[in-house]
Amino acid sequence: MPIQQDNKMYDERSARVIVLEDEQPSDRMLAILSMLYLLVMVGVFLWGMFDVWVGRYTVVRWLGYGSEVEMQRLEEPIFRLLAYAFLGGGVGGAVNGIRSLLTWHVEWGAFQQRYIWKYITWPWLGTALALIVFALVRSGLAVVGGEMAPTDSDLRQSLSTLVIGILSGYGAREVFIWLDMQVSNLFKTNPAQAREVPDLFGLTRADAERTLREDDLALGEVKEAETADDEKVGKVISQFPESKMKLQPGSPVNITLGSRIEGEGYTG
């Protein structure tokens, strides 16, 4: 669950701090267009599923593949499974995009124009990931109800493939992480591990910066806030992200230092 503080959001899934920017009128317009596009794509991919299920293959025919021999090939189980994986991935990707838009635009009002490319490509990214996962599953991995061996019934294969496609598109980020893990295992790579944010409360700026550097993190924004406690003046009284959270190496941690109340004389 993302954690917000002021105009910043800490995403626990990616271990990143994201700065939220207020929407402009053009941003809101593009957010609405993105939502309409994703809703249309959900309808298109659902129609495609029905079209394959009834055996009409309308899009394939539009592309000129309609001879008797070609239609026989289209009736082969492997083509239907590929079609279900492709279409399911498109649905999952579009639904994931809608969920993201509801968060960034509706809840936070922080949609930016540059995000539109993410929403345009999301359904198609889902289709590509679904086909990749389908190929891996067909090679012998066990998912969604057991091994998907060629001897499974057509119904079970179709339903399993459809579920794989939808989940691959919907969980695109997790699929990327999973694929990265498979590549790392295959080629023995060692990706950088997330760092746990240390507790900086009570430290001076210099000590906080040194502590972060030792943990392969960086000092971010430094603010001041008045405090009535002289012992907290010049020391960290708040930090973001908070301690124990995970960040990618080199990520910044923002701190707030205590400052003496304006107009209050020194009594020490």
C-alpha atoms as a PDB file:
ATOM      1  CA  MET A   1       0.000   0.000   0.000  1.00  0.00           C
ATOM      2  CA  PRO A   2       1.544   3.369  -1.001  1.00  0.00           C
ATOM      3  CA  ILE A   3       2.319   5.721   1.901  1.00  0.00           C
ATOM      4  CA  GLN A   4       1.898   9.475   1.392  1.00  0.00           C
ATOM      5  CA  GLN A   5       3.527  12.411   3.131  1.00  0.00           C
ATOM      6  CA  ASP A   6       2.882  15.930   1.850  1.00  0.00           C
ATOM      7  CA  ASN A   7       3.482  15.749  -1.920  1.00  0.00           C
ATOM      8  CA  LYS A   8       5.533  12.550  -1.776  1.00  0.00           C
ATOM      9  CA  MET A   9       4.494   8.925  -2.014  1.00  0.00           C
ATOM     10  CA  TYR A  10       6.521   5.928  -0.875  1.00  0.00           C
ATOM     11  CA  ASP A  11       5.808   2.837  -2.958  1.00  0.00           C
ATOM     12  CA  GLU A  12       6.675  -0.244  -0.900  1.00  0.00           C
ATOM     13  CA  ARG A  13       6.445  -2.523  -3.950  1.00  0.00           C
ATOM     14  CA  SER A  14       9.186  -0.731  -5.872  1.00  0.00           C
ATOM     15  CA  ALA A  15      10.962   0.767  -2.819  1.00  0.00           C
ATOM     16  CA  ARG A  16      10.856   4.205  -4.453  1.00  0.00           C
ATOM     17  CA  VAL A  17       9.834   7.695  -3.361  1.00  0.00           C
ATOM     18  CA  ILE A  18       7.709   9.460  -5.984  1.00  0.00           C
ATOM     19  CA  VAL A  19       7.014  13.201  -5.983  1.00  0.00           C
ATOM     20  CA  LEU A  20       3.351  13.957  -6.723  1.00  0.00           C
ATOM     21  CA  GLU A  21       2.682  16.950  -8.979  1.00  0.00           C
ATOM     22  CA  ASP A  22      -0.675  18.739  -9.218  1.00  0.00           C
ATOM     23  CA  GLU A  23      -2.647  18.174 -12.406  1.00  0.00           C
ATOM     24  CA  GLN A  24      -3.056  20.888 -15.005  1.00  0.00           C
ATOM     25  CA  PRO A  25      -6.173  21.154 -17.253  1.00  0.00           C
ATOM     26  CA  SER A  26      -4.326  19.393 -20.094  1.00  0.00           C
ATOM     27  CA  ASP A  27      -3.341  16.611 -17.700  1.00  0.00           C
ATOM     28  CA  ARG A  28      -6.964  16.068 -16.686  1.00  0.00           C
ATOM     29  CA  MET A  29      -8.048  15.928 -20.318  1.00  0.00           C
ATOM     30  CA  LEU A  30      -5.430  13.304 -21.152  1.00  0.00           C
ATOM     31  CA  ALA A  31      -6.378  11.310 -18.051  1.00  0.00           C
ATOM     32  CA  ILE A  32     -10.006  11.180 -19.248  1.00  0.00           C
ATOM     33  CA  LEU A  33      -8.904  10.166 -22.768  1.00  0.00           C
ATOM     34  CA  SER A  34      -6.668   7.466 -21.283  1.00  0.00           C
ATOM     35  CA  MET A  35      -9.568   6.075 -19.260  1.00  0.00           C
ATOM     36  CA  LEU A  36     -11.841   5.992 -22.314  1.00  0.00           C
ATOM     37  CA  TYR A  37      -9.116   4.286 -24.339  1.00  0.00           C
ATOM     38  CA  LEU A  38      -8.613   1.588 -21.696  1.00  0.00           C
ATOM     39  CA  LEU A  39     -12.359   0.953 -21.391  1.00  0.00           C
ATOM     40  CA  VAL A  40     -12.588   0.552 -25.165  1.00  0.00           C
ATOM     41  CA  MET A  41      -9.625  -1.840 -25.135  1.00  0.00           C
ATOM     42  CA  VAL A  42     -11.297  -3.983 -22.467  1.00  0.00           C
ATOM     43  CA  GLY A  43     -14.356  -4.232 -24.714  1.00  0.00           C
ATOM     44  CA  VAL A  44     -12.265  -5.034 -27.797  1.00  0.00           C
ATOM     45  CA  PHE A  45     -10.331  -7.832 -26.105  1.00  0.00           C
ATOM     46  CA  LEU A  46     -13.486  -9.300 -24.526  1.00  0.00           C
ATOM     47  CA  TRP A  47     -15.152  -9.291 -27.940  1.00  0.00           C
ATOM     48  CA  GLY A  48     -12.053 -11.004 -29.320  1.00  0.00           C
ATOM     49  CA  MET A  49     -12.389 -13.770 -26.721  1.00  0.00           C
ATOM     50  CA  PHE A  50     -15.989 -14.386 -27.720  1.00  0.00           C
ATOM     51  CA  ASP A  51     -15.038 -14.269 -31.398  1.00  0.00           C
ATOM     52  CA  VAL A  52     -12.407 -16.983 -30.892  1.00  0.00           C
ATOM     53  CA  TRP A  53     -14.719 -19.029 -28.679  1.00  0.00           C
ATOM     54  CA  VAL A  54     -17.431 -19.215 -31.379  1.00  0.00           C
ATOM     55  CA  GLY A  55     -14.780 -19.935 -34.020  1.00  0.00           C
ATOM     56  CA  ARG A  56     -15.345 -16.956 -36.312  1.00  0.00           C
ATOM     57  CA  TYR A  57     -11.811 -15.482 -36.126  1.00  0.00           C
ATOM     58  CA  THR A  58     -13.050 -12.203 -37.576  1.00  0.00           C
ATOM     59  CA  VAL A  59      -9.782 -10.293 -37.236  1.00  0.00           C
ATOM     60  CA  VAL A  60      -7.812 -13.121 -38.835  1.00  0.00           C
ATOM     61  CA  ARG A  61     -10.219 -13.130 -41.763  1.00  0.00           C
ATOM     62  CA  TRP A  62      -9.881  -9.354 -42.096  1.00  0.00           C
ATOM     63  CA  LEU A  63      -6.143  -9.886 -42.485  1.00  0.00           C
ATOM     64  CA  GLY A  64      -6.764 -12.192 -45.430  1.00  0.00           C
ATOM     65  CA  TYR A  65      -6.340 -15.605 -43.810  1.00  0.00           C
ATOM     66  CA  GLY A  66      -9.538 -17.371 -44.824  1.00  0.00           C
ATOM     67  CA  SER A  67      -8.688 -20.279 -47.111  1.00  0.00           C
ATOM     68  CA  GLU A  68      -9.813 -23.787 -46.221  1.00  0.00           C
ATOM     69  CA  VAL A  69      -6.296 -24.893 -45.295  1.00  0.00           C
ATOM     70  CA  GLU A  70      -5.703 -21.794 -43.191  1.00  0.00           C
ATOM     71  CA  MET A  71      -8.999 -22.204 -41.354  1.00  0.00           C
ATOM     72  CA  GLN A  72      -8.048 -25.783 -40.504  1.00  0.00           C
ATOM     73  CA  ARG A  73      -4.846 -24.492 -38.941  1.00  0.00           C
ATOM     74  CA  LEU A  74      -6.830 -21.931 -36.965  1.00  0.00           C
ATOM     75  CA  GLU A  75      -8.930 -24.718 -35.471  1.00  0.00           C
ATOM     76  CA  GLU A  76      -5.859 -26.364 -33.981  1.00  0.00           C
ATOM     77  CA  PRO A  77      -5.833 -26.227 -30.132  1.00  0.00           C
ATOM     78  CA  ILE A  78      -2.466 -24.452 -29.969  1.00  0.00           C
ATOM     79  CA  PHE A  79      -3.794 -21.458 -31.920  1.00  0.00           C
ATOM     80  CA  ARG A  80      -6.802 -21.107 -29.626  1.00  0.00           C
ATOM     81  CA  LEU A  81      -4.532 -21.275 -26.584  1.00  0.00           C
ATOM     82  CA  LEU A  82      -2.256 -18.595 -28.007  1.00  0.00           C
ATOM     83  CA  ALA A  83      -5.286 -16.454 -28.813  1.00  0.00           C
ATOM     84  CA  TYR A  84      -6.672 -16.827 -25.284  1.00  0.00           C
ATOM     85  CA  ALA A  85      -3.293 -15.943 -23.760  1.00  0.00           C
ATOM     86  CA  PHE A  86      -2.952 -12.888 -26.031  1.00  0.00           C
ATOM     87  CA  LEU A  87      -6.490 -11.608 -25.418  1.00  0.00           C
ATOM     88  CA  GLY A  88      -6.405 -12.373 -21.704  1.00  0.00           C
ATOM     89  CA  GLY A  89      -3.157 -10.448 -21.368  1.00  0.00           C
ATOM     90  CA  GLY A  90      -4.770  -7.483 -23.100  1.00  0.00           C
ATOM     91  CA  VAL A  91      -7.725  -7.513 -20.700  1.00  0.00           C
ATOM     92  CA  GLY A  92      -5.458  -7.796 -17.671  1.00  0.00           C
ATOM     93  CA  GLY A  93      -3.194  -4.981 -18.862  1.00  0.00           C
ATOM     94  CA  ALA A  94      -6.137  -2.673 -19.570  1.00  0.00           C
ATOM     95  CA  VAL A  95      -7.742  -3.403 -16.182  1.00  0.00           C
ATOM     96  CA  ASN A  96      -4.428  -2.727 -14.446  1.00  0.00           C
ATOM     97  CA  GLY A  97      -4.220   0.594 -16.294  1.00  0.00           C
ATOM     98  CA  ILE A  98      -7.743   1.524 -15.172  1.00  0.00           C
ATOM     99  CA  ARG A  99      -6.822   0.713 -11.572  1.00  0.00           C
ATOM    100  CA  SER A 100      -3.719   2.898 -11.847  1.00  0.00           C
ATOM    101  CA  LEU A 101      -5.702   5.787 -13.332  1.00  0.00           C
ATOM    102  CA  LEU A 102      -8.242   5.605 -10.516  1.00  0.00           C
ATOM    103  CA  THR A 103      -5.376   6.053  -8.059  1.00  0.00           C
ATOM    104  CA  TRP A 104      -3.280   8.694  -9.820  1.00  0.00           C
ATOM    105  CA  HIS A 105      -6.102  10.777 -11.307  1.00  0.00           C
ATOM    106  CA  VAL A 106      -9.193  10.223  -9.173  1.00  0.00           C
ATOM    107  CA  GLU A 107      -7.632   9.807  -5.712  1.00  0.00           C
ATOM    108  CA  TRP A 108      -4.405  11.824  -5.889  1.00  0.00           C
ATOM    109  CA  GLY A 109      -5.091  14.252  -8.752  1.00  0.00           C
ATOM    110  CA  ALA A 110      -1.474  13.802  -9.837  1.00  0.00           C
ATOM    111  CA  PHE A 111      -1.769  12.494 -13.413  1.00  0.00           C
ATOM    112  CA  GLN A 112       0.914  13.945 -15.701  1.00  0.00           C
ATOM    113  CA  GLN A 113       1.023  14.112 -19.512  1.00  0.00           C
ATOM    114  CA  ARG A 114       4.074  11.871 -19.737  1.00  0.00           C
ATOM    115  CA  TYR A 115       2.083   9.020 -18.171  1.00  0.00           C
ATOM    116  CA  ILE A 116      -0.141   8.697 -21.224  1.00  0.00           C
ATOM    117  CA  TRP A 117       2.427   6.498 -22.957  1.00  0.00           C
ATOM    118  CA  LYS A 118       2.204   4.043 -20.092  1.00  0.00           C
ATOM    119  CA  TYR A 119      -1.555   3.713 -20.495  1.00  0.00           C
ATOM    120  CA  ILE A 120      -1.399   3.485 -24.290  1.00  0.00           C
ATOM    121  CA  THR A 121       1.086   0.620 -24.149  1.00  0.00           C
ATOM    122  CA  TRP A 122      -0.269  -1.176 -21.062  1.00  0.00           C
ATOM    123  CA  PRO A 123      -2.810  -3.461 -22.851  1.00  0.00           C
ATOM    124  CA  TRP A 124      -0.254  -4.390 -25.517  1.00  0.00           C
ATOM    125  CA  LEU A 125       2.429  -4.919 -22.923  1.00  0.00           C
ATOM    126  CA  GLY A 126      -0.002  -7.297 -21.236  1.00  0.00           C
ATOM    127  CA  THR A 127      -0.457  -9.281 -24.440  1.00  0.00           C
ATOM    128  CA  ALA A 128       3.309  -9.625 -24.950  1.00  0.00           C
ATOM    129  CA  LEU A 129       3.941 -10.669 -21.345  1.00  0.00           C
ATOM    130  CA  ALA A 130       1.077 -13.169 -21.521  1.00  0.00           C
ATOM    131  CA  LEU A 131       2.606 -14.849 -24.571  1.00  0.00           C
ATOM    132  CA  ILE A 132       6.021 -14.996 -22.873  1.00  0.00           C
ATOM    133  CA  VAL A 133       4.549 -16.537 -19.727  1.00  0.00           C
ATOM    134  CA  PHE A 134       2.466 -18.930 -21.841  1.00  0.00           C
ATOM    135  CA  ALA A 135       5.608 -20.137 -23.607  1.00  0.00           C
ATOM    136  CA  LEU A 136       7.343 -20.702 -20.259  1.00  0.00           C
ATOM    137  CA  VAL A 137       4.319 -22.530 -18.848  1.00  0.00           C
ATOM    138  CA  ARG A 138       4.134 -24.767 -21.908  1.00  0.00           C
ATOM    139  CA  SER A 139       7.744 -25.673 -21.296  1.00  0.00           C
ATOM    140  CA  GLY A 140       6.769 -27.412 -18.068  1.00  0.00           C
ATOM    141  CA  LEU A 141       6.164 -24.898 -15.272  1.00  0.00           C
ATOM    142  CA  ALA A 142       3.267 -25.688 -12.943  1.00  0.00           C
ATOM    143  CA  VAL A 143       0.714 -22.869 -12.500  1.00  0.00           C
ATOM    144  CA  VAL A 144      -2.996 -22.381 -12.072  1.00  0.00           C
ATOM    145  CA  GLY A 145      -4.139 -25.848 -11.138  1.00  0.00           C
ATOM    146  CA  GLY A 146      -1.105 -28.037 -11.957  1.00  0.00           C
ATOM    147  CA  GLU A 147       1.028 -28.921 -14.960  1.00  0.00           C
ATOM    148  CA  MET A 148      -0.227 -27.704 -18.307  1.00  0.00           C
ATOM    149  CA  ALA A 149       0.840 -30.763 -20.253  1.00  0.00           C
ATOM    150  CA  PRO A 150      -0.322 -31.373 -23.830  1.00  0.00           C
ATOM    151  CA  THR A 151      -2.517 -34.212 -22.564  1.00  0.00           C
ATOM    152  CA  ASP A 152      -4.770 -31.889 -20.567  1.00  0.00           C
ATOM    153  CA  SER A 153      -8.324 -31.469 -21.789  1.00  0.00           C
ATOM    154  CA  ASP A 154      -9.064 -28.612 -24.198  1.00  0.00           C
ATOM    155  CA  LEU A 155     -11.338 -26.927 -21.652  1.00  0.00           C
ATOM    156  CA  ARG A 156      -8.764 -27.028 -18.894  1.00  0.00           C
ATOM    157  CA  GLN A 157      -6.050 -25.756 -21.214  1.00  0.00           C
ATOM    158  CA  SER A 158      -8.253 -22.938 -22.479  1.00  0.00           C
ATOM    159  CA  LEU A 159      -9.305 -21.795 -19.003  1.00  0.00           C
ATOM    160  CA  SER A 160      -5.787 -22.080 -17.591  1.00  0.00           C
ATOM    161  CA  THR A 161      -4.333 -20.160 -20.524  1.00  0.00           C
ATOM    162  CA  LEU A 162      -6.976 -17.455 -20.218  1.00  0.00           C
ATOM    163  CA  VAL A 163      -6.236 -17.056 -16.508  1.00  0.00           C
ATOM    164  CA  ILE A 164      -2.488 -16.943 -17.178  1.00  0.00           C
ATOM    165  CA  GLY A 165      -3.042 -14.244 -19.794  1.00  0.00           C
ATOM    166  CA  ILE A 166      -5.247 -12.087 -17.578  1.00  0.00           C
ATOM    167  CA  LEU A 167      -2.958 -12.400 -14.548  1.00  0.00           C
ATOM    168  CA  SER A 168       0.137 -11.695 -16.656  1.00  0.00           C
ATOM    169  CA  GLY A 169      -1.409  -8.509 -18.042  1.00  0.00           C
ATOM    170  CA  TYR A 170      -2.890  -7.367 -14.720  1.00  0.00           C
ATOM    171  CA  GLY A 171       0.283  -8.023 -12.738  1.00  0.00           C
ATOM    172  CA  ALA A 172       2.714  -6.666 -15.328  1.00  0.00           C
ATOM    173  CA  ARG A 173       5.109  -5.323 -12.704  1.00  0.00           C
ATOM    174  CA  GLU A 174       5.190  -8.651 -10.865  1.00  0.00           C
ATOM    175  CA  VAL A 175       5.672 -10.494 -14.156  1.00  0.00           C
ATOM    176  CA  PHE A 176       8.671  -8.288 -14.941  1.00  0.00           C
ATOM    177  CA  ILE A 177      10.115  -9.029 -11.487  1.00  0.00           C
ATOM    178  CA  TRP A 178       9.484 -12.747 -11.966  1.00  0.00           C
ATOM    179  CA  LEU A 179      11.062 -12.733 -15.425  1.00  0.00           C
ATOM    180  CA  ASP A 180      14.058 -10.851 -14.034  1.00  0.00           C
ATOM    181  CA  MET A 181      14.413 -13.570 -11.396  1.00  0.00           C
ATOM    182  CA  GLN A 182      14.321 -16.278 -14.073  1.00  0.00           C
ATOM    183  CA  VAL A 183      17.015 -14.471 -16.057  1.00  0.00           C
ATOM    184  CA  SER A 184      19.110 -13.988 -12.912  1.00  0.00           C
ATOM    185  CA  ASN A 185      18.789 -17.668 -12.016  1.00  0.00           C
ATOM    186  CA  LEU A 186      19.651 -18.731 -15.547  1.00  0.00           C
ATOM    187  CA  PHE A 187      22.648 -16.441 -15.976  1.00  0.00           C
ATOM    188  CA  LYS A 188      23.664 -16.237 -12.305  1.00  0.00           C
ATOM    189  CA  THR A 189      23.318 -12.477 -11.990  1.00  0.00           C
ATOM    190  CA  ASN A 190      23.081 -10.728  -8.621  1.00  0.00           C
ATOM    191  CA  PRO A 191      20.783  -7.691  -8.765  1.00  0.00           C
ATOM    192  CA  ALA A 192      21.241  -4.951  -6.192  1.00  0.00           C
ATOM    193  CA  GLN A 193      19.249  -5.534  -3.029  1.00  0.00           C
ATOM    194  CA  ALA A 194      16.965  -2.920  -1.504  1.00  0.00           C
ATOM    195  CA  ARG A 195      18.374  -1.127   1.529  1.00  0.00           C
ATOM    196  CA  GLU A 196      16.551  -0.730   4.829  1.00  0.00           C
ATOM    197  CA  VAL A 197      16.152   2.903   5.857  1.00  0.00           C
ATOM    198  CA  PRO A 198      17.957   3.563   9.161  1.00  0.00           C
ATOM    199  CA  ASP A 199      16.443   5.418  12.112  1.00  0.00           C
ATOM    200  CA  LEU A 200      17.768   8.992  11.920  1.00  0.00           C
ATOM    201  CA  PHE A 201      15.808  10.521  14.806  1.00  0.00           C
ATOM    202  CA  GLY A 202      17.983  12.567  17.151  1.00  0.00           C
ATOM    203  CA  LEU A 203      20.951  12.744  14.768  1.00  0.00           C
ATOM    204  CA  THR A 204      22.546  15.930  13.508  1.00  0.00           C
ATOM    205  CA  ARG A 205      22.524  16.606   9.772  1.00  0.00           C
ATOM    206  CA  ALA A 206      26.138  15.501   9.439  1.00  0.00           C
ATOM    207  CA  ASP A 207      25.532  12.287  11.403  1.00  0.00           C
ATOM    208  CA  ALA A 208      22.374  11.536   9.419  1.00  0.00           C
ATOM    209  CA  GLU A 209      24.199  12.031   6.121  1.00  0.00           C
ATOM    210  CA  ARG A 210      27.049   9.778   7.253  1.00  0.00           C
ATOM    211  CA  THR A 211      24.627   7.076   8.432  1.00  0.00           C
ATOM    212  CA  LEU A 212      22.767   7.126   5.130  1.00  0.00           C
ATOM    213  CA  ARG A 213      26.004   6.977   3.161  1.00  0.00           C
ATOM    214  CA  GLU A 214      27.091   3.919   5.157  1.00  0.00           C
ATOM    215  CA  ASP A 215      23.809   2.224   4.196  1.00  0.00           C
ATOM    216  CA  ASP A 216      24.277   3.117   0.505  1.00  0.00           C
ATOM    217  CA  LEU A 217      21.532   5.743   0.629  1.00  0.00           C
ATOM    218  CA  ALA A 218      21.630   9.508   0.087  1.00  0.00           C
ATOM    219  CA  LEU A 219      20.502  12.584   1.970  1.00  0.00           C
ATOM    220  CA  GLY A 220      17.528  14.186   0.238  1.00  0.00           C
ATOM    221  CA  GLU A 221      15.650  17.364   1.114  1.00  0.00           C
ATOM    222  CA  VAL A 222      16.503  18.997   4.451  1.00  0.00           C
ATOM    223  CA  LYS A 223      13.800  21.135   6.069  1.00  0.00           C
ATOM    224  CA  GLU A 224      13.420  22.797   9.423  1.00  0.00           C
ATOM    225  CA  ALA A 225      10.501  22.867  11.842  1.00  0.00           C
ATOM    226  CA  GLU A 226      10.239  24.806  15.078  1.00  0.00           C
ATOM    227  CA  THR A 227      10.432  22.856  18.322  1.00  0.00           C
ATOM    228  CA  ALA A 228      10.039  23.884  21.948  1.00  0.00           C
ATOM    229  CA  ASP A 229      12.531  21.240  23.053  1.00  0.00           C
ATOM    230  CA  ASP A 230      16.045  22.709  23.027  1.00  0.00           C
ATOM    231  CA  GLU A 231      17.531  19.214  22.935  1.00  0.00           C
ATOM    232  CA  LYS A 232      15.945  18.639  19.508  1.00  0.00           C
ATOM    233  CA  VAL A 233      17.271  21.838  17.926  1.00  0.00           C
ATOM    234  CA  GLY A 234      19.590  20.979  15.037  1.00  0.00           C
ATOM    235  CA  LYS A 235      18.624  17.316  15.168  1.00  0.00           C
ATOM    236  CA  VAL A 236      16.364  15.128  13.059  1.00  0.00           C
ATOM    237  CA  ILE A 237      12.775  15.209  14.307  1.00  0.00           C
ATOM    238  CA  SER A 238      11.154  13.482  11.294  1.00  0.00           C
ATOM    239  CA  GLN A 239      12.197  11.575   8.192  1.00  0.00           C
ATOM    240  CA  PHE A 240      10.648  10.239   5.007  1.00  0.00           C
ATOM    241  CA  PRO A 241      10.643   7.407   4.147  1.00  0.00           C
ATOM    242  CA  GLU A 242      10.474   6.169   7.717  1.00  0.00           C
ATOM    243  CA  SER A 243      12.924   3.722   9.240  1.00  0.00           C
ATOM    244  CA  LYS A 244      12.634   0.006   8.388  1.00  0.00           C
ATOM    245  CA  MET A 245      11.203   0.783   4.939  1.00  0.00           C
ATOM    246  CA  LYS A 246      13.057  -0.506   1.876  1.00  0.00           C
ATOM    247  CA  LEU A 247      14.703   1.706  -0.756  1.00  0.00           C
ATOM    248  CA  GLN A 248      16.790   1.039  -3.824  1.00  0.00           C
ATOM    249  CA  PRO A 249      20.534   1.784  -3.370  1.00  0.00           C
ATOM    250  CA  GLY A 250      21.323   5.459  -3.800  1.00  0.00           C
ATOM    251  CA  SER A 251      17.755   6.606  -3.088  1.00  0.00           C
ATOM    252  CA  PRO A 252      17.299   9.846  -1.104  1.00  0.00           C
ATOM    253  CA  VAL A 253      15.855  10.109   2.398  1.00  0.00           C
ATOM    254  CA  ASN A 254      14.328  13.473   3.384  1.00  0.00           C
ATOM    255  CA  ILE A 255      14.774  14.796   6.899  1.00  0.00           C
ATOM    256  CA  THR A 256      13.390  17.620   9.031  1.00  0.00           C
ATOM    257  CA  LEU A 257      15.655  19.291  11.601  1.00  0.00           C
ATOM    258  CA  GLY A 258      14.370  20.955  14.721  1.00  0.00           C
ATOM    259  CA  SER A 259      14.813  24.731  14.950  1.00  0.00           C
ATOM    260  CA  ARG A 260      14.349  27.132  17.827  1.00  0.00           C
ATOM    261  CA  ILE A 261      10.999  28.933  17.943  1.00  0.00           C
ATOM    262  CA  GLU A 262      11.371  32.351  16.319  1.00  0.00           C
ATOM    263  CA  GLY A 263      11.657  35.136  18.844  1.00  0.00           C
ATOM    264  CA  GLU A 264      12.467  32.813  21.697  1.00  0.00           C
ATOM    265  CA  GLY A 265      15.723  33.672  23.385  1.00  0.00           C
ATOM    266  CA  TYR A 266      18.367  31.151  24.264  1.00  0.00           C
ATOM    267  CA  THR A 267      18.112  30.112  27.914  1.00  0.00           C
ATOM    268  CA  GLY A 268      20.878  27.540  28.013  1.00  0.00           C
END
